[in-house]
Amino acid sequence: MNEHLDHATMLGVRDRLIAPLVAEGNRVFRFGAEQPADHAEEFGYGLPWPTVEAVAVLLGRVAESTLIGLARADGARVERVLVRETQLNTAVYEPRLCDEHHHVGLFEASPRLSSCPSIVRAP
């Protein structure tokens, strides 16, 4: 999170501001990149713009991936991610429970391999 999102500009991959911002040395995280610049951008796959809903999904994907890599987090899972942009603009990401075979492999190789659908809703 600190390395890729903190003090970075989040933009959709088709945003025309990406090239000039990068050329000026700014940090940019691209949502929806078909060819991610790094492993972190893979978590934004299928999320074309950095809406509050997309950020909730992105954070959920990162959290799920992190849990898989923790030896002492056996059986832990992400149940809900809430992102509040303003008092009136909030999104909740709730990964659906998948059978053990799908959940264990979730995001091991790449976040785009997930076969578990998710729910994004405004509370």
C-alpha atoms as a PDB file:
ATOM      1  CA  MET A   1       0.000   0.000   0.000  1.00  0.00           C
ATOM      2  CA  ASN A   2       2.682   2.509   0.977  1.00  0.00           C
ATOM      3  CA  GLU A   3       4.866   1.682  -1.988  1.00  0.00           C
ATOM      4  CA  HIS A   4       2.214   1.840  -4.724  1.00  0.00           C
ATOM      5  CA  LEU A   5      -0.765   3.914  -3.550  1.00  0.00           C
ATOM      6  CA  ASP A   6       0.424   6.312  -0.835  1.00  0.00           C
ATOM      7  CA  HIS A   7       1.075   9.742  -2.393  1.00  0.00           C
ATOM      8  CA  ALA A   8       0.385   8.343  -5.871  1.00  0.00           C
ATOM      9  CA  THR A   9      -2.228   9.435  -8.385  1.00  0.00           C
ATOM     10  CA  MET A  10      -4.797   6.729  -9.162  1.00  0.00           C
ATOM     11  CA  LEU A  11      -6.027   6.886 -12.763  1.00  0.00           C
ATOM     12  CA  GLY A  12      -7.820   4.678 -15.248  1.00  0.00           C
ATOM     13  CA  VAL A  13      -5.468   3.154 -17.816  1.00  0.00           C
ATOM     14  CA  ARG A  14      -7.043   5.252 -20.602  1.00  0.00           C
ATOM     15  CA  ASP A  15      -6.589   8.572 -18.806  1.00  0.00           C
ATOM     16  CA  ARG A  16      -4.562  11.023 -20.919  1.00  0.00           C
ATOM     17  CA  LEU A  17      -2.877  12.443 -17.807  1.00  0.00           C
ATOM     18  CA  ILE A  18      -0.797   9.297 -17.220  1.00  0.00           C
ATOM     19  CA  ALA A  19       1.981  10.078 -19.717  1.00  0.00           C
ATOM     20  CA  PRO A  20       2.585  13.706 -18.670  1.00  0.00           C
ATOM     21  CA  LEU A  21       2.458  12.853 -14.959  1.00  0.00           C
ATOM     22  CA  VAL A  22       4.936   9.982 -15.349  1.00  0.00           C
ATOM     23  CA  ALA A  23       7.179  12.172 -17.533  1.00  0.00           C
ATOM     24  CA  GLU A  24       7.307  14.704 -14.690  1.00  0.00           C
ATOM     25  CA  GLY A  25       8.327  11.978 -12.231  1.00  0.00           C
ATOM     26  CA  ASN A  26       4.974  11.603 -10.474  1.00  0.00           C
ATOM     27  CA  ARG A  27       3.866   8.268  -9.089  1.00  0.00           C
ATOM     28  CA  VAL A  28       0.843   6.883 -10.944  1.00  0.00           C
ATOM     29  CA  PHE A  29      -1.176   3.742 -10.201  1.00  0.00           C
ATOM     30  CA  ARG A  30      -3.146   2.618 -13.274  1.00  0.00           C
ATOM     31  CA  PHE A  31      -6.480   0.850 -12.853  1.00  0.00           C
ATOM     32  CA  GLY A  32      -7.553  -1.557 -15.601  1.00  0.00           C
ATOM     33  CA  ALA A  33      -4.134  -2.144 -17.149  1.00  0.00           C
ATOM     34  CA  GLU A  34      -4.156  -5.096 -19.566  1.00  0.00           C
ATOM     35  CA  GLN A  35      -0.358  -5.102 -19.302  1.00  0.00           C
ATOM     36  CA  PRO A  36       0.402  -4.048 -15.720  1.00  0.00           C
ATOM     37  CA  ALA A  37       3.600  -2.068 -15.147  1.00  0.00           C
ATOM     38  CA  ASP A  38       4.274  -4.138 -12.015  1.00  0.00           C
ATOM     39  CA  HIS A  39       2.722  -6.792  -9.778  1.00  0.00           C
ATOM     40  CA  ALA A  40       0.738  -4.192  -7.832  1.00  0.00           C
ATOM     41  CA  GLU A  41      -1.156  -3.023 -10.923  1.00  0.00           C
ATOM     42  CA  GLU A  42      -2.399  -6.587 -11.450  1.00  0.00           C
ATOM     43  CA  PHE A  43      -4.775  -6.019  -8.523  1.00  0.00           C
ATOM     44  CA  GLY A  44      -6.511  -3.295 -10.559  1.00  0.00           C
ATOM     45  CA  TYR A  45      -7.263  -5.682 -13.444  1.00  0.00           C
ATOM     46  CA  GLY A  46     -10.864  -5.396 -14.656  1.00  0.00           C
ATOM     47  CA  LEU A  47     -11.408  -2.147 -12.729  1.00  0.00           C
ATOM     48  CA  PRO A  48     -11.299   0.546 -15.434  1.00  0.00           C
ATOM     49  CA  TRP A  49     -11.445   3.664 -13.231  1.00  0.00           C
ATOM     50  CA  PRO A  50     -10.495   4.448  -9.605  1.00  0.00           C
ATOM     51  CA  THR A  51     -14.031   4.906  -8.334  1.00  0.00           C
ATOM     52  CA  VAL A  52     -14.708   4.394  -4.641  1.00  0.00           C
ATOM     53  CA  GLU A  53     -16.172   0.986  -5.557  1.00  0.00           C
ATOM     54  CA  ALA A  54     -13.058  -0.002  -7.516  1.00  0.00           C
ATOM     55  CA  VAL A  55     -10.777   1.106  -4.672  1.00  0.00           C
ATOM     56  CA  ALA A  56     -12.763  -1.098  -2.259  1.00  0.00           C
ATOM     57  CA  VAL A  57     -12.302  -4.092  -4.584  1.00  0.00           C
ATOM     58  CA  LEU A  58      -8.598  -3.305  -5.046  1.00  0.00           C
ATOM     59  CA  LEU A  59      -8.013  -3.132  -1.278  1.00  0.00           C
ATOM     60  CA  GLY A  60      -9.926  -6.385  -0.793  1.00  0.00           C
ATOM     61  CA  ARG A  61      -7.817  -8.120  -3.433  1.00  0.00           C
ATOM     62  CA  VAL A  62      -4.590  -6.874  -1.828  1.00  0.00           C
ATOM     63  CA  ALA A  63      -5.778  -7.979   1.628  1.00  0.00           C
ATOM     64  CA  GLU A  64      -6.750 -11.444   0.333  1.00  0.00           C
ATOM     65  CA  SER A  65      -3.378 -11.829  -1.359  1.00  0.00           C
ATOM     66  CA  THR A  66      -1.554 -10.753   1.799  1.00  0.00           C
ATOM     67  CA  LEU A  67      -3.463 -13.239   3.958  1.00  0.00           C
ATOM     68  CA  ILE A  68      -2.520 -16.102   1.652  1.00  0.00           C
ATOM     69  CA  GLY A  69       1.148 -15.308   2.183  1.00  0.00           C
ATOM     70  CA  LEU A  70       0.989 -15.263   5.984  1.00  0.00           C
ATOM     71  CA  ALA A  71       1.933 -18.568   7.604  1.00  0.00           C
ATOM     72  CA  ARG A  72      -0.103 -17.858  10.750  1.00  0.00           C
ATOM     73  CA  ALA A  73      -3.246 -16.695   8.960  1.00  0.00           C
ATOM     74  CA  ASP A  74      -4.454 -20.191   8.058  1.00  0.00           C
ATOM     75  CA  GLY A  75      -8.174 -20.015   7.317  1.00  0.00           C
ATOM     76  CA  ALA A  76      -8.321 -16.216   7.583  1.00  0.00           C
ATOM     77  CA  ARG A  77     -10.304 -14.424   4.897  1.00  0.00           C
ATOM     78  CA  VAL A  78     -11.518 -10.985   3.992  1.00  0.00           C
ATOM     79  CA  GLU A  79     -15.200 -10.609   4.783  1.00  0.00           C
ATOM     80  CA  ARG A  80     -15.732  -6.934   4.070  1.00  0.00           C
ATOM     81  CA  VAL A  81     -13.854  -3.841   2.945  1.00  0.00           C
ATOM     82  CA  LEU A  82     -15.520  -0.472   3.513  1.00  0.00           C
ATOM     83  CA  VAL A  83     -14.185   2.635   1.786  1.00  0.00           C
ATOM     84  CA  ARG A  84     -15.695   5.991   2.699  1.00  0.00           C
ATOM     85  CA  GLU A  85     -14.724   8.735   0.254  1.00  0.00           C
ATOM     86  CA  THR A  86     -17.114  11.322   1.691  1.00  0.00           C
ATOM     87  CA  GLN A  87     -20.089  11.252   4.048  1.00  0.00           C
ATOM     88  CA  LEU A  88     -22.332  10.446   1.100  1.00  0.00           C
ATOM     89  CA  ASN A  89     -20.011   8.304  -1.029  1.00  0.00           C
ATOM     90  CA  THR A  90     -19.192   4.906   0.462  1.00  0.00           C
ATOM     91  CA  ALA A  91     -18.602   1.475  -1.067  1.00  0.00           C
ATOM     92  CA  VAL A  92     -18.440  -1.996   0.459  1.00  0.00           C
ATOM     93  CA  TYR A  93     -16.633  -4.958  -1.107  1.00  0.00           C
ATOM     94  CA  GLU A  94     -17.675  -8.386   0.174  1.00  0.00           C
ATOM     95  CA  PRO A  95     -15.949 -11.359  -1.468  1.00  0.00           C
ATOM     96  CA  ARG A  96     -18.355 -14.232  -1.804  1.00  0.00           C
ATOM     97  CA  LEU A  97     -17.406 -17.352   0.048  1.00  0.00           C
ATOM     98  CA  CYS A  98     -15.995 -19.911  -2.346  1.00  0.00           C
ATOM     99  CA  ASP A  99     -15.289 -23.540  -1.762  1.00  0.00           C
ATOM    100  CA  GLU A 100     -11.899 -24.265  -0.194  1.00  0.00           C
ATOM    101  CA  HIS A 101     -10.257 -25.122  -3.521  1.00  0.00           C
ATOM    102  CA  HIS A 102     -11.046 -21.720  -5.020  1.00  0.00           C
ATOM    103  CA  HIS A 103     -10.338 -19.707  -1.862  1.00  0.00           C
ATOM    104  CA  VAL A 104      -6.911 -21.215  -1.186  1.00  0.00           C
ATOM    105  CA  GLY A 105      -5.657 -20.445  -4.682  1.00  0.00           C
ATOM    106  CA  LEU A 106      -7.134 -16.955  -4.811  1.00  0.00           C
ATOM    107  CA  PHE A 107      -4.538 -14.535  -6.178  1.00  0.00           C
ATOM    108  CA  GLU A 108      -1.591 -16.919  -5.672  1.00  0.00           C
ATOM    109  CA  ALA A 109      -0.378 -16.522  -9.239  1.00  0.00           C
ATOM    110  CA  SER A 110      -2.272 -13.445 -10.336  1.00  0.00           C
ATOM    111  CA  PRO A 111      -5.369 -11.560  -9.141  1.00  0.00           C
ATOM    112  CA  ARG A 112      -6.935 -11.946 -12.581  1.00  0.00           C
ATOM    113  CA  LEU A 113      -7.137 -15.734 -12.038  1.00  0.00           C
ATOM    114  CA  SER A 114      -9.748 -15.430  -9.302  1.00  0.00           C
ATOM    115  CA  SER A 115     -12.870 -17.419 -10.055  1.00  0.00           C
ATOM    116  CA  CYS A 116     -14.703 -16.014  -7.031  1.00  0.00           C
ATOM    117  CA  PRO A 117     -17.129 -13.211  -7.886  1.00  0.00           C
ATOM    118  CA  SER A 118     -17.472 -10.255  -5.572  1.00  0.00           C
ATOM    119  CA  ILE A 119     -20.182  -7.856  -4.520  1.00  0.00           C
ATOM    120  CA  VAL A 120     -19.757  -4.110  -4.632  1.00  0.00           C
ATOM    121  CA  ARG A 121     -22.571  -2.075  -3.173  1.00  0.00           C
ATOM    122  CA  ALA A 122     -23.247   1.230  -1.518  1.00  0.00           C
ATOM    123  CA  PRO A 123     -24.375   0.694   2.091  1.00  0.00           C
END
